[in-house]
PDB file of N, CA and C in Angstrom:
ATOM      1  N   MET A   1       6.091  -6.786 -17.639  1.00  0.00           N
ATOM      2  CA  MET A   1       5.121  -5.760 -17.953  1.00  0.00           C
ATOM      3  C   MET A   1       3.889  -5.864 -17.042  1.00  0.00           C
ATOM      4  N   ILE A   2       3.413  -7.070 -16.823  1.00  0.00           N
ATOM      5  CA  ILE A   2       2.237  -7.252 -15.972  1.00  0.00           C
ATOM      6  C   ILE A   2       2.563  -6.872 -14.532  1.00  0.00           C
ATOM      7  N   LEU A   3       3.765  -7.227 -14.075  1.00  0.00           N
ATOM      8  CA  LEU A   3       4.156  -6.855 -12.711  1.00  0.00           C
ATOM      9  C   LEU A   3       4.259  -5.343 -12.562  1.00  0.00           C
ATOM     10  N   ASN A   4       4.723  -4.679 -13.611  1.00  0.00           N
ATOM     11  CA  ASN A   4       4.803  -3.218 -13.571  1.00  0.00           C
ATOM     12  C   ASN A   4       3.418  -2.601 -13.408  1.00  0.00           C
ATOM     13  N   LEU A   5       2.473  -3.072 -14.202  1.00  0.00           N
ATOM     14  CA  LEU A   5       1.108  -2.543 -14.115  1.00  0.00           C
ATOM     15  C   LEU A   5       0.457  -2.896 -12.787  1.00  0.00           C
ATOM     16  N   LEU A   6       0.715  -4.095 -12.294  1.00  0.00           N
ATOM     17  CA  LEU A   6       0.160  -4.510 -11.007  1.00  0.00           C
ATOM     18  C   LEU A   6       0.705  -3.649  -9.870  1.00  0.00           C
ATOM     19  N   SER A   7       1.981  -3.311  -9.937  1.00  0.00           N
ATOM     20  CA  SER A   7       2.588  -2.455  -8.923  1.00  0.00           C
ATOM     21  C   SER A   7       1.937  -1.073  -8.919  1.00  0.00           C
ATOM     22  N   MET A   8       1.669  -0.532 -10.098  1.00  0.00           N
ATOM     23  CA  MET A   8       1.026   0.783 -10.189  1.00  0.00           C
ATOM     24  C   MET A   8      -0.431   0.723  -9.736  1.00  0.00           C
ATOM     25  N   LEU A   9      -1.117  -0.359 -10.043  1.00  0.00           N
ATOM     26  CA  LEU A   9      -2.506  -0.524  -9.612  1.00  0.00           C
ATOM     27  C   LEU A   9      -2.599  -0.613  -8.089  1.00  0.00           C
ATOM     28  N   ILE A  10      -1.681  -1.331  -7.473  1.00  0.00           N
ATOM     29  CA  ILE A  10      -1.668  -1.435  -6.011  1.00  0.00           C
ATOM     30  C   ILE A  10      -1.421  -0.069  -5.384  1.00  0.00           C
ATOM     31  N   LEU A  11      -0.552   0.727  -5.994  1.00  0.00           N
ATOM     32  CA  LEU A  11      -0.299   2.074  -5.484  1.00  0.00           C
ATOM     33  C   LEU A  11      -1.573   2.918  -5.518  1.00  0.00           C
ATOM     34  N   ILE A  12      -2.336   2.826  -6.588  1.00  0.00           N
ATOM     35  CA  ILE A  12      -3.589   3.579  -6.693  1.00  0.00           C
ATOM     36  C   ILE A  12      -4.581   3.120  -5.631  1.00  0.00           C
ATOM     37  N   VAL A  13      -4.684   1.810  -5.416  1.00  0.00           N
ATOM     38  CA  VAL A  13      -5.584   1.277  -4.388  1.00  0.00           C
ATOM     39  C   VAL A  13      -5.168   1.767  -3.007  1.00  0.00           C
ATOM     40  N   LEU A  14      -3.871   1.781  -2.732  1.00  0.00           N
ATOM     41  CA  LEU A  14      -3.394   2.229  -1.423  1.00  0.00           C
ATOM     42  C   LEU A  14      -3.660   3.713  -1.195  1.00  0.00           C
ATOM     43  N   ILE A  15      -3.524   4.512  -2.232  1.00  0.00           N
ATOM     44  CA  ILE A  15      -3.836   5.934  -2.097  1.00  0.00           C
ATOM     45  C   ILE A  15      -5.320   6.114  -1.782  1.00  0.00           C
ATOM     46  N   PHE A  16      -6.185   5.344  -2.446  1.00  0.00           N
ATOM     47  CA  PHE A  16      -7.619   5.404  -2.165  1.00  0.00           C
ATOM     48  C   PHE A  16      -7.917   4.972  -0.729  1.00  0.00           C
ATOM     49  N   LEU A  17      -7.264   3.916  -0.249  1.00  0.00           N
ATOM     50  CA  LEU A  17      -7.487   3.459   1.122  1.00  0.00           C
ATOM     51  C   LEU A  17      -7.053   4.511   2.135  1.00  0.00           C
ATOM     52  N   HIS A  18      -5.931   5.174   1.876  1.00  0.00           N
ATOM     53  CA  HIS A  18      -5.489   6.250   2.768  1.00  0.00           C
ATOM     54  C   HIS A  18      -6.510   7.382   2.788  1.00  0.00           C
ATOM     55  N   TYR A  19      -7.044   7.726   1.633  1.00  0.00           N
ATOM     56  CA  TYR A  19      -8.066   8.772   1.566  1.00  0.00           C
ATOM     57  C   TYR A  19      -9.277   8.390   2.413  1.00  0.00           C
ATOM     58  N   LYS A  20      -9.740   7.154   2.280  1.00  0.00           N
ATOM     59  CA  LYS A  20     -10.908   6.705   3.042  1.00  0.00           C
ATOM     60  C   LYS A  20     -10.631   6.724   4.545  1.00  0.00           C
ATOM     61  N   ILE A  21      -9.435   6.341   4.955  1.00  0.00           N
ATOM     62  CA  ILE A  21      -9.101   6.311   6.381  1.00  0.00           C
ATOM     63  C   ILE A  21      -9.002   7.724   6.945  1.00  0.00           C
ATOM     64  N   ILE A  22      -8.344   8.604   6.226  1.00  0.00           N
ATOM     65  CA  ILE A  22      -8.101   9.942   6.755  1.00  0.00           C
ATOM     66  C   ILE A  22      -9.378  10.777   6.788  1.00  0.00           C
ATOM     67  N   PHE A  23     -10.184  10.723   5.732  1.00  0.00           N
ATOM     68  CA  PHE A  23     -11.325  11.632   5.641  1.00  0.00           C
ATOM     69  C   PHE A  23     -12.674  11.012   6.000  1.00  0.00           C
ATOM     70  N   HIS A  24     -12.801   9.700   5.973  1.00  0.00           N
ATOM     71  CA  HIS A  24     -14.104   9.072   6.207  1.00  0.00           C
ATOM     72  C   HIS A  24     -14.038   7.990   7.272  1.00  0.00           C
ATOM     73  N   PHE A  25     -13.138   8.114   8.232  1.00  0.00           N
ATOM     74  CA  PHE A  25     -12.954   7.044   9.215  1.00  0.00           C
ATOM     75  C   PHE A  25     -14.188   6.858  10.090  1.00  0.00           C
ATOM     76  N   GLN A  26     -14.850   7.926  10.448  1.00  0.00           N
ATOM     77  CA  GLN A  26     -15.995   7.830  11.357  1.00  0.00           C
ATOM     78  C   GLN A  26     -17.172   7.098  10.724  1.00  0.00           C
ATOM     79  N   LYS A  27     -17.242   7.051   9.399  1.00  0.00           N
ATOM     80  CA  LYS A  27     -18.335   6.367   8.715  1.00  0.00           C
ATOM     81  C   LYS A  27     -18.072   4.876   8.529  1.00  0.00           C
ATOM     82  N   LEU A  28     -16.853   4.426   8.795  1.00  0.00           N
ATOM     83  CA  LEU A  28     -16.502   3.026   8.568  1.00  0.00           C
ATOM     84  C   LEU A  28     -17.011   2.154   9.705  1.00  0.00           C
ATOM     85  N   GLY A  29     -17.535   0.997   9.366  1.00  0.00           N
ATOM     86  CA  GLY A  29     -17.969   0.035  10.374  1.00  0.00           C
ATOM     87  C   GLY A  29     -16.820  -0.859  10.799  1.00  0.00           C
ATOM     88  N   ASN A  30     -17.042  -1.660  11.828  1.00  0.00           N
ATOM     89  CA  ASN A  30     -15.987  -2.540  12.330  1.00  0.00           C
ATOM     90  C   ASN A  30     -15.563  -3.581  11.301  1.00  0.00           C
ATOM     91  N   LYS A  31     -16.509  -4.105  10.523  1.00  0.00           N
ATOM     92  CA  LYS A  31     -16.162  -5.107   9.510  1.00  0.00           C
ATOM     93  C   LYS A  31     -15.292  -4.508   8.420  1.00  0.00           C
ATOM     94  N   LEU A  32     -15.598  -3.278   8.026  1.00  0.00           N
ATOM     95  CA  LEU A  32     -14.806  -2.621   6.998  1.00  0.00           C
ATOM     96  C   LEU A  32     -13.415  -2.259   7.516  1.00  0.00           C
ATOM     97  N   ILE A  33     -13.326  -1.860   8.765  1.00  0.00           N
ATOM     98  CA  ILE A  33     -12.019  -1.575   9.363  1.00  0.00           C
ATOM     99  C   ILE A  33     -11.172  -2.842   9.406  1.00  0.00           C
ATOM    100  N   PHE A  34     -11.782  -3.956   9.781  1.00  0.00           N
ATOM    101  CA  PHE A  34     -11.062  -5.232   9.797  1.00  0.00           C
ATOM    102  C   PHE A  34     -10.615  -5.613   8.387  1.00  0.00           C
ATOM    103  N   LEU A  35     -11.456  -5.354   7.386  1.00  0.00           N
ATOM    104  CA  LEU A  35     -11.094  -5.619   5.995  1.00  0.00           C
ATOM    105  C   LEU A  35      -9.916  -4.751   5.571  1.00  0.00           C
ATOM    106  N   TYR A  36      -9.888  -3.499   6.021  1.00  0.00           N
ATOM    107  CA  TYR A  36      -8.769  -2.616   5.694  1.00  0.00           C
ATOM    108  C   TYR A  36      -7.461  -3.126   6.307  1.00  0.00           C
ATOM    109  N   TYR A  37      -7.521  -3.643   7.538  1.00  0.00           N
ATOM    110  CA  TYR A  37      -6.322  -4.238   8.134  1.00  0.00           C
ATOM    111  C   TYR A  37      -5.802  -5.370   7.253  1.00  0.00           C
ATOM    112  N   ILE A  38      -6.695  -6.230   6.821  1.00  0.00           N
ATOM    113  CA  ILE A  38      -6.296  -7.363   5.979  1.00  0.00           C
ATOM    114  C   ILE A  38      -5.747  -6.867   4.642  1.00  0.00           C
ATOM    115  N   LEU A  39      -6.403  -5.858   4.046  1.00  0.00           N
ATOM    116  CA  LEU A  39      -5.929  -5.328   2.772  1.00  0.00           C
ATOM    117  C   LEU A  39      -4.531  -4.738   2.884  1.00  0.00           C
ATOM    118  N   PHE A  40      -4.276  -3.961   3.928  1.00  0.00           N
ATOM    119  CA  PHE A  40      -2.937  -3.399   4.090  1.00  0.00           C
ATOM    120  C   PHE A  40      -1.898  -4.498   4.268  1.00  0.00           C
ATOM    121  N   PHE A  41      -2.241  -5.518   5.012  1.00  0.00           N
ATOM    122  CA  PHE A  41      -1.302  -6.612   5.250  1.00  0.00           C
ATOM    123  C   PHE A  41      -1.031  -7.386   3.959  1.00  0.00           C
ATOM    124  N   VAL A  42      -2.080  -7.754   3.242  1.00  0.00           N
ATOM    125  CA  VAL A  42      -1.928  -8.539   2.011  1.00  0.00           C
ATOM    126  C   VAL A  42      -1.264  -7.713   0.912  1.00  0.00           C
ATOM    127  N   LEU A  43      -1.701  -6.471   0.740  1.00  0.00           N
ATOM    128  CA  LEU A  43      -1.092  -5.627  -0.284  1.00  0.00           C
ATOM    129  C   LEU A  43       0.370  -5.332   0.035  1.00  0.00           C
ATOM    130  N   GLY A  44       0.692  -5.196   1.309  1.00  0.00           N
ATOM    131  CA  GLY A  44       2.086  -4.971   1.691  1.00  0.00           C
ATOM    132  C   GLY A  44       2.980  -6.129   1.298  1.00  0.00           C
ATOM    133  N   PHE A  45       2.539  -7.347   1.587  1.00  0.00           N
ATOM    134  CA  PHE A  45       3.334  -8.504   1.185  1.00  0.00           C
ATOM    135  C   PHE A  45       3.341  -8.688  -0.327  1.00  0.00           C
ATOM    136  N   GLY A  46       2.230  -8.372  -0.982  1.00  0.00           N
ATOM    137  CA  GLY A  46       2.184  -8.466  -2.442  1.00  0.00           C
ATOM    138  C   GLY A  46       3.145  -7.497  -3.105  1.00  0.00           C
ATOM    139  N   VAL A  47       3.154  -6.267  -2.629  1.00  0.00           N
ATOM    140  CA  VAL A  47       4.063  -5.263  -3.183  1.00  0.00           C
ATOM    141  C   VAL A  47       5.513  -5.629  -2.888  1.00  0.00           C
ATOM    142  N   PHE A  48       5.769  -6.158  -1.704  1.00  0.00           N
ATOM    143  CA  PHE A  48       7.128  -6.590  -1.381  1.00  0.00           C
ATOM    144  C   PHE A  48       7.577  -7.688  -2.339  1.00  0.00           C
ATOM    145  N   ALA A  49       6.704  -8.637  -2.614  1.00  0.00           N
ATOM    146  CA  ALA A  49       7.053  -9.730  -3.528  1.00  0.00           C
ATOM    147  C   ALA A  49       7.278  -9.213  -4.948  1.00  0.00           C
ATOM    148  N   ILE A  50       6.413  -8.321  -5.414  1.00  0.00           N
ATOM    149  CA  ILE A  50       6.566  -7.773  -6.766  1.00  0.00           C
ATOM    150  C   ILE A  50       7.859  -6.980  -6.883  1.00  0.00           C
ATOM    151  N   THR A  51       8.152  -6.148  -5.894  1.00  0.00           N
ATOM    152  CA  THR A  51       9.375  -5.350  -5.924  1.00  0.00           C
ATOM    153  C   THR A  51      10.607  -6.245  -5.856  1.00  0.00           C
ATOM    154  N   TYR A  52      10.538  -7.289  -5.064  1.00  0.00           N
ATOM    155  CA  TYR A  52      11.652  -8.238  -4.970  1.00  0.00           C
ATOM    156  C   TYR A  52      11.878  -8.934  -6.309  1.00  0.00           C
ATOM    157  N   ILE A  53      10.798  -9.370  -6.939  1.00  0.00           N
ATOM    158  CA  ILE A  53      10.922 -10.038  -8.244  1.00  0.00           C
ATOM    159  C   ILE A  53      11.480  -9.081  -9.283  1.00  0.00           C
ATOM    160  N   LEU A  54      10.975  -7.848  -9.314  1.00  0.00           N
ATOM    161  CA  LEU A  54      11.468  -6.875 -10.284  1.00  0.00           C
ATOM    162  C   LEU A  54      12.928  -6.526 -10.033  1.00  0.00           C
ATOM    163  N   ALA A  55      13.303  -6.409  -8.779  1.00  0.00           N
ATOM    164  CA  ALA A  55      14.676  -6.018  -8.458  1.00  0.00           C
ATOM    165  C   ALA A  55      15.674  -7.093  -8.854  1.00  0.00           C
ATOM    166  N   TYR A  56      15.292  -8.339  -8.747  1.00  0.00           N
ATOM    167  CA  TYR A  56      16.232  -9.416  -9.050  1.00  0.00           C
ATOM    168  C   TYR A  56      15.991 -10.072 -10.396  1.00  0.00           C
ATOM    169  N   SER A  57      15.119  -9.487 -11.225  1.00  0.00           N
ATOM    170  CA  SER A  57      14.906 -10.051 -12.555  1.00  0.00           C
ATOM    171  C   SER A  57      15.450  -9.145 -13.648  1.00  0.00           C
ATOM    172  N   GLY A  58      16.293  -8.213 -13.289  1.00  0.00           N
ATOM    173  CA  GLY A  58      16.901  -7.356 -14.289  1.00  0.00           C
ATOM    174  C   GLY A  58      16.342  -5.954 -14.330  1.00  0.00           C
ATOM    175  N   ALA A  59      15.579  -5.554 -13.351  1.00  0.00           N
ATOM    176  CA  ALA A  59      14.994  -4.214 -13.364  1.00  0.00           C
ATOM    177  C   ALA A  59      15.892  -3.177 -12.704  1.00  0.00           C
ATOM    178  N   LEU A  60      16.932  -3.618 -12.023  1.00  0.00           N
ATOM    179  CA  LEU A  60      17.843  -2.659 -11.404  1.00  0.00           C
ATOM    180  C   LEU A  60      18.688  -1.977 -12.472  1.00  0.00           C
ATOM    181  N   PRO A  61      19.095  -0.731 -12.257  1.00  0.00           N
ATOM    182  CA  PRO A  61      19.821   0.021 -13.294  1.00  0.00           C
ATOM    183  C   PRO A  61      21.101  -0.654 -13.781  1.00  0.00           C
ATOM    184  N   ASN A  62      21.771  -1.415 -12.950  1.00  0.00           N
ATOM    185  CA  ASN A  62      23.021  -2.048 -13.367  1.00  0.00           C
ATOM    186  C   ASN A  62      22.809  -3.327 -14.166  1.00  0.00           C
ATOM    187  N   HIS A  63      21.584  -3.798 -14.254  1.00  0.00           N
ATOM    188  CA  HIS A  63      21.329  -5.096 -14.874  1.00  0.00           C
ATOM    189  C   HIS A  63      20.320  -5.022 -16.010  1.00  0.00           C
ATOM    190  N   TYR A  64      20.266  -3.900 -16.716  1.00  0.00           N
ATOM    191  CA  TYR A  64      19.287  -3.777 -17.804  1.00  0.00           C
ATOM    192  C   TYR A  64      19.641  -4.715 -18.953  1.00  0.00           C
ATOM    193  N   ASN A  65      18.643  -5.393 -19.461  1.00  0.00           N
ATOM    194  CA  ASN A  65      18.834  -6.289 -20.598  1.00  0.00           C
ATOM    195  C   ASN A  65      17.873  -5.980 -21.734  1.00  0.00           C
ATOM    196  N   SER A  66      17.030  -4.995 -21.572  1.00  0.00           N
ATOM    197  CA  SER A  66      16.002  -4.734 -22.574  1.00  0.00           C
ATOM    198  C   SER A  66      16.140  -3.315 -23.108  1.00  0.00           C
ATOM    199  N   GLU A  67      15.188  -2.925 -23.939  1.00  0.00           N
ATOM    200  CA  GLU A  67      15.257  -1.612 -24.576  1.00  0.00           C
ATOM    201  C   GLU A  67      14.899  -0.489 -23.604  1.00  0.00           C
ATOM    202  N   PHE A  68      14.994   0.728 -24.101  1.00  0.00           N
ATOM    203  CA  PHE A  68      14.863   1.928 -23.280  1.00  0.00           C
ATOM    204  C   PHE A  68      13.502   2.035 -22.600  1.00  0.00           C
ATOM    205  N   GLU A  69      12.407   1.797 -23.320  1.00  0.00           N
ATOM    206  CA  GLU A  69      11.075   1.968 -22.742  1.00  0.00           C
ATOM    207  C   GLU A  69      10.844   1.013 -21.585  1.00  0.00           C
ATOM    208  N   SER A  70      11.326  -0.191 -21.717  1.00  0.00           N
ATOM    209  CA  SER A  70      11.162  -1.170 -20.644  1.00  0.00           C
ATOM    210  C   SER A  70      11.948  -0.744 -19.405  1.00  0.00           C
ATOM    211  N   LYS A  71      13.082  -0.099 -19.616  1.00  0.00           N
ATOM    212  CA  LYS A  71      13.873   0.382 -18.481  1.00  0.00           C
ATOM    213  C   LYS A  71      13.079   1.415 -17.679  1.00  0.00           C
ATOM    214  N   ARG A  72      12.434   2.326 -18.375  1.00  0.00           N
ATOM    215  CA  ARG A  72      11.656   3.366 -17.695  1.00  0.00           C
ATOM    216  C   ARG A  72      10.457   2.768 -16.971  1.00  0.00           C
ATOM    217  N   MET A  73       9.814   1.784 -17.579  1.00  0.00           N
ATOM    218  CA  MET A  73       8.685   1.114 -16.922  1.00  0.00           C
ATOM    219  C   MET A  73       9.152   0.388 -15.666  1.00  0.00           C
ATOM    220  N   ASN A  74      10.309  -0.257 -15.740  1.00  0.00           N
ATOM    221  CA  ASN A  74      10.836  -0.959 -14.568  1.00  0.00           C
ATOM    222  C   ASN A  74      11.205   0.018 -13.463  1.00  0.00           C
ATOM    223  N   ASP A  75      11.801   1.152 -13.848  1.00  0.00           N
ATOM    224  CA  ASP A  75      12.115   2.177 -12.846  1.00  0.00           C
ATOM    225  C   ASP A  75      10.847   2.691 -12.173  1.00  0.00           C
ATOM    226  N   LEU A  76       9.828   2.943 -12.977  1.00  0.00           N
ATOM    227  CA  LEU A  76       8.560   3.423 -12.435  1.00  0.00           C
ATOM    228  C   LEU A  76       7.919   2.378 -11.528  1.00  0.00           C
ATOM    229  N   ALA A  77       7.984   1.114 -11.927  1.00  0.00           N
ATOM    230  CA  ALA A  77       7.402   0.047 -11.105  1.00  0.00           C
ATOM    231  C   ALA A  77       8.167  -0.121  -9.795  1.00  0.00           C
ATOM    232  N   LEU A  78       9.492  -0.018  -9.836  1.00  0.00           N
ATOM    233  CA  LEU A  78      10.269  -0.100  -8.597  1.00  0.00           C
ATOM    234  C   LEU A  78       9.942   1.067  -7.674  1.00  0.00           C
ATOM    235  N   PHE A  79       9.818   2.260  -8.240  1.00  0.00           N
ATOM    236  CA  PHE A  79       9.449   3.426  -7.440  1.00  0.00           C
ATOM    237  C   PHE A  79       8.061   3.242  -6.832  1.00  0.00           C
ATOM    238  N   CYS A  80       7.104   2.795  -7.645  1.00  0.00           N
ATOM    239  CA  CYS A  80       5.742   2.544  -7.138  1.00  0.00           C
ATOM    240  C   CYS A  80       5.761   1.481  -6.048  1.00  0.00           C
ATOM    241  N   GLY A  81       6.594   0.466  -6.215  1.00  0.00           N
ATOM    242  CA  GLY A  81       6.692  -0.584  -5.207  1.00  0.00           C
ATOM    243  C   GLY A  81       7.219  -0.063  -3.884  1.00  0.00           C
ATOM    244  N   LEU A  82       8.250   0.767  -3.939  1.00  0.00           N
ATOM    245  CA  LEU A  82       8.805   1.318  -2.702  1.00  0.00           C
ATOM    246  C   LEU A  82       7.816   2.264  -2.023  1.00  0.00           C
ATOM    247  N   VAL A  83       7.157   3.113  -2.807  1.00  0.00           N
ATOM    248  CA  VAL A  83       6.155   4.015  -2.237  1.00  0.00           C
ATOM    249  C   VAL A  83       4.990   3.215  -1.660  1.00  0.00           C
ATOM    250  N   SER A  84       4.589   2.154  -2.342  1.00  0.00           N
ATOM    251  CA  SER A  84       3.485   1.322  -1.857  1.00  0.00           C
ATOM    252  C   SER A  84       3.835   0.634  -0.549  1.00  0.00           C
ATOM    253  N   MET A  85       5.082   0.175  -0.422  1.00  0.00           N
ATOM    254  CA  MET A  85       5.481  -0.452   0.845  1.00  0.00           C
ATOM    255  C   MET A  85       5.410   0.558   1.987  1.00  0.00           C
ATOM    256  N   ILE A  86       5.859   1.779   1.729  1.00  0.00           N
ATOM    257  CA  ILE A  86       5.780   2.826   2.754  1.00  0.00           C
ATOM    258  C   ILE A  86       4.321   3.128   3.088  1.00  0.00           C
ATOM    259  N   LEU A  87       3.461   3.207   2.066  1.00  0.00           N
ATOM    260  CA  LEU A  87       2.041   3.471   2.301  1.00  0.00           C
ATOM    261  C   LEU A  87       1.372   2.339   3.064  1.00  0.00           C
ATOM    262  N   CYS A  88       1.788   1.103   2.826  1.00  0.00           N
ATOM    263  CA  CYS A  88       1.206  -0.024   3.566  1.00  0.00           C
ATOM    264  C   CYS A  88       1.532   0.074   5.048  1.00  0.00           C
ATOM    265  N   VAL A  89       2.773   0.366   5.353  1.00  0.00           N
ATOM    266  CA  VAL A  89       3.177   0.458   6.759  1.00  0.00           C
ATOM    267  C   VAL A  89       2.504   1.649   7.431  1.00  0.00           C
ATOM    268  N   THR A  90       2.546   2.812   6.789  1.00  0.00           N
ATOM    269  CA  THR A  90       1.920   3.984   7.405  1.00  0.00           C
ATOM    270  C   THR A  90       0.405   3.841   7.480  1.00  0.00           C
ATOM    271  N   GLY A  91      -0.199   3.239   6.477  1.00  0.00           N
ATOM    272  CA  GLY A  91      -1.645   3.033   6.496  1.00  0.00           C
ATOM    273  C   GLY A  91      -2.077   2.096   7.599  1.00  0.00           C
ATOM    274  N   PHE A  92      -1.311   1.028   7.800  1.00  0.00           N
ATOM    275  CA  PHE A  92      -1.636   0.073   8.857  1.00  0.00           C
ATOM    276  C   PHE A  92      -1.582   0.750  10.220  1.00  0.00           C
ATOM    277  N   PHE A  93      -0.525   1.514  10.475  1.00  0.00           N
ATOM    278  CA  PHE A  93      -0.394   2.168  11.773  1.00  0.00           C
ATOM    279  C   PHE A  93      -1.362   3.341  11.932  1.00  0.00           C
ATOM    280  N   THR A  94      -1.652   4.062  10.850  1.00  0.00           N
ATOM    281  CA  THR A  94      -2.656   5.123  10.924  1.00  0.00           C
ATOM    282  C   THR A  94      -4.016   4.549  11.277  1.00  0.00           C
ATOM    283  N   LEU A  95      -4.370   3.455  10.632  1.00  0.00           N
ATOM    284  CA  LEU A  95      -5.636   2.795  10.927  1.00  0.00           C
ATOM    285  C   LEU A  95      -5.673   2.292  12.363  1.00  0.00           C
ATOM    286  N   LEU A  96      -4.572   1.731  12.827  1.00  0.00           N
ATOM    287  CA  LEU A  96      -4.500   1.234  14.198  1.00  0.00           C
ATOM    288  C   LEU A  96      -4.665   2.368  15.208  1.00  0.00           C
ATOM    289  N   PHE A  97      -3.949   3.471  15.014  1.00  0.00           N
ATOM    290  CA  PHE A  97      -4.035   4.590  15.949  1.00  0.00           C
ATOM    291  C   PHE A  97      -5.414   5.243  15.923  1.00  0.00           C
ATOM    292  N   LYS A  98      -5.980   5.423  14.734  1.00  0.00           N
ATOM    293  CA  LYS A  98      -7.326   6.009  14.664  1.00  0.00           C
ATOM    294  C   LYS A  98      -8.351   5.088  15.306  1.00  0.00           C
ATOM    295  N   HIS A  99      -8.218   3.799  15.091  1.00  0.00           N
ATOM    296  CA  HIS A  99      -9.148   2.832  15.670  1.00  0.00           C
ATOM    297  C   HIS A  99      -9.067   2.868  17.193  1.00  0.00           C
ATOM    298  N   LEU A 100      -7.859   2.872  17.734  1.00  0.00           N
ATOM    299  CA  LEU A 100      -7.695   2.928  19.187  1.00  0.00           C
ATOM    300  C   LEU A 100      -8.151   4.271  19.756  1.00  0.00           C
ATOM    301  N   PHE A 101      -7.883   5.357  19.032  1.00  0.00           N
ATOM    302  CA  PHE A 101      -8.283   6.685  19.499  1.00  0.00           C
ATOM    303  C   PHE A 101      -9.800   6.803  19.571  1.00  0.00           C
ATOM    304  N   PHE A 102     -10.498   6.393  18.522  1.00  0.00           N
ATOM    305  CA  PHE A 102     -11.955   6.505  18.527  1.00  0.00           C
ATOM    306  C   PHE A 102     -12.592   5.523  19.487  1.00  0.00           C
ATOM    307  N   ARG A 103     -11.955   4.376  19.696  1.00  0.00           N
ATOM    308  CA  ARG A 103     -12.479   3.423  20.679  1.00  0.00           C
ATOM    309  C   ARG A 103     -12.378   4.019  22.082  1.00  0.00           C
ATOM    310  N   SER A 104     -11.231   4.633  22.417  1.00  0.00           N
ATOM    311  CA  SER A 104     -11.082   5.233  23.746  1.00  0.00           C
ATOM    312  C   SER A 104     -11.963   6.473  23.883  1.00  0.00           C
ATOM    313  N   LYS A 105     -12.161   7.212  22.804  1.00  0.00           N
ATOM    314  CA  LYS A 105     -13.019   8.396  22.838  1.00  0.00           C
ATOM    315  C   LYS A 105     -14.472   7.996  23.096  1.00  0.00           C
ATOM    316  N   ASN A 106     -14.914   6.902  22.511  1.00  0.00           N
ATOM    317  CA  ASN A 106     -16.284   6.430  22.727  1.00  0.00           C
ATOM    318  C   ASN A 106     -16.475   5.915  24.143  1.00  0.00           C
ATOM    319  N   LYS A 107     -15.448   5.327  24.740  1.00  0.00           N
ATOM    320  CA  LYS A 107     -15.555   4.867  26.125  1.00  0.00           C
ATOM    321  C   LYS A 107     -15.679   6.045  27.074  1.00  0.00           C
ATOM    322  N   ILE A 108     -14.960   7.119  26.790  1.00  0.00           N
ATOM    323  CA  ILE A 108     -15.022   8.296  27.655  1.00  0.00           C
ATOM    324  C   ILE A 108     -16.408   8.932  27.572  1.00  0.00           C
ATOM    325  N   LYS A 109     -16.998   8.994  26.383  1.00  0.00           N
ATOM    326  CA  LYS A 109     -18.321   9.592  26.229  1.00  0.00           C
ATOM    327  C   LYS A 109     -19.397   8.779  26.937  1.00  0.00           C
ATOM    328  N   SER A 110     -19.257   7.473  26.923  1.00  0.00           N
ATOM    329  CA  SER A 110     -20.306   6.636  27.502  1.00  0.00           C
ATOM    330  C   SER A 110     -20.265   6.606  29.025  1.00  0.00           C
ATOM    331  N   VAL A 111     -19.148   7.002  29.643  1.00  0.00           N
ATOM    332  CA  VAL A 111     -19.047   6.957  31.111  1.00  0.00           C
ATOM    333  C   VAL A 111     -19.729   8.110  31.750  1.00  0.00           C
TER     334      VAL A 111
END
């Protein structure tokens, strides 16, 4: 149950981070950008570990051992875990490309 809630909480955090990167990137400082890199990396491994634990602890559809409500929570947590892993990878590369783009754009303006 705690892993299910943690998986959903990480998904919400990742959606917020994507929002900040896409719409407010120019306002972010270098320290905050570096923190976002670390967050995407750590959250990505955390979500991978949670999804791995859920998948091999009986959360897969063929291995249900609990009642109906727990099955739905496990399905939702597995879905959130997979979406979170995709968001971690895309967020990391989006941040990298935006960071490199704005860095090269600032060099062109200063010349």
